[in-house]
Structure formats: structure tokens, C-alpha cells
Amino acid sequence: MEEKKPEVTESTATQFVIVKDKSGKEYVCKISDLKDPSQLTEEEKKRCFENVEDAMKEMD
């Protein structure tokens, strides 16, 4: 009997990383949102989280 693998969707495939700015402040961002920090728009910055707790709340 073949084992069923879970379907990978955009919501289940989202991975996060913690990035730190020059001042030492950490942000939790979706890997798909990462790019050169100098090219981020204000709108893109709003999609990042300031800490892991905020990111986890968003996923609930």
C-alpha cells in the first residue's frame, strides 16, 4: 500500500527565516519575500514580522 503524501500548497510550503538589521533588530520573514534590503519598499517591509511570536500569531 502506497503511503499518501500530504499535498504541498502555498500555505503548507511557506518557510520563514529570521533576519537581523544593522541595528540588531530581528525580523521574521517569508523566504519568498527576501531580497536585497536596500530595494525593499515600505509595503514589502510591512509584510515582515518583528519577532517569532507575531509570525506565529499570524499563522493561527
Protein backbone atom coordinates (compact mmCIF):
# COMPACT_ATOMS: atom_id res chain seq x y z
CA MET A 1 0.00 0.00 0.00
CA GLU A 2 1.43 3.33 -1.08
CA GLU A 3 1.78 5.97 1.62
CA LYS A 4 -0.16 9.14 0.85
CA LYS A 5 2.00 12.22 0.96
CA PRO A 6 0.47 15.49 2.15
CA GLU A 7 -0.37 17.89 -0.63
CA VAL A 8 2.05 20.78 -0.76
CA THR A 9 0.23 24.05 -1.16
CA GLU A 10 1.40 27.62 -0.83
CA SER A 11 0.20 27.72 2.76
CA THR A 12 1.94 24.50 3.79
CA ALA A 13 5.14 25.28 1.90
CA THR A 14 5.74 28.68 3.49
CA GLN A 15 9.04 28.85 5.30
CA PHE A 16 10.28 31.67 7.47
CA VAL A 17 13.73 32.94 8.29
CA ILE A 18 14.95 35.33 10.94
CA VAL A 19 16.90 38.27 9.57
CA LYS A 20 18.70 40.92 11.58
CA ASP A 21 19.14 44.54 10.55
CA LYS A 22 22.27 46.60 11.12
CA SER A 23 20.98 47.88 14.46
CA GLY A 24 20.50 44.30 15.68
CA LYS A 25 16.69 44.23 15.40
CA GLU A 26 15.38 40.86 14.24
CA TYR A 27 12.57 40.24 11.77
CA VAL A 28 10.83 37.02 10.75
CA CYS A 29 10.21 36.99 7.00
CA LYS A 30 8.83 34.59 4.45
CA ILE A 31 11.69 33.22 2.37
CA SER A 32 9.76 34.18 -0.76
CA ASP A 33 9.78 37.83 0.39
CA LEU A 34 13.54 38.06 0.85
CA LYS A 35 15.50 40.31 -1.44
CA ASP A 36 18.20 42.96 -1.26
CA PRO A 37 17.20 45.06 1.79
CA SER A 38 18.11 48.31 0.05
CA GLN A 39 15.45 47.58 -2.57
CA LEU A 40 12.54 46.89 -0.19
CA THR A 41 9.54 49.14 -0.50
CA GLU A 42 7.67 50.28 2.61
CA GLU A 43 4.81 47.97 1.58
CA GLU A 44 7.17 44.98 1.44
CA LYS A 45 8.62 45.85 4.85
CA LYS A 46 5.08 45.75 6.29
CA ARG A 47 4.84 42.05 5.31
CA CYS A 48 7.73 41.21 7.64
CA PHE A 49 7.24 40.42 11.31
CA GLU A 50 9.24 41.93 14.14
CA ASN A 51 9.51 38.66 16.07
CA VAL A 52 8.70 34.97 16.01
CA GLU A 53 5.70 35.39 18.31
CA ASP A 54 4.00 37.80 15.89
CA ALA A 55 4.68 35.46 12.97
CA MET A 56 3.16 32.51 14.85
CA LYS A 57 0.03 34.52 15.73
CA GLU A 58 -0.46 35.31 12.05
CA MET A 59 -0.37 31.60 11.19
CA ASP A 60 -3.10 30.65 13.69
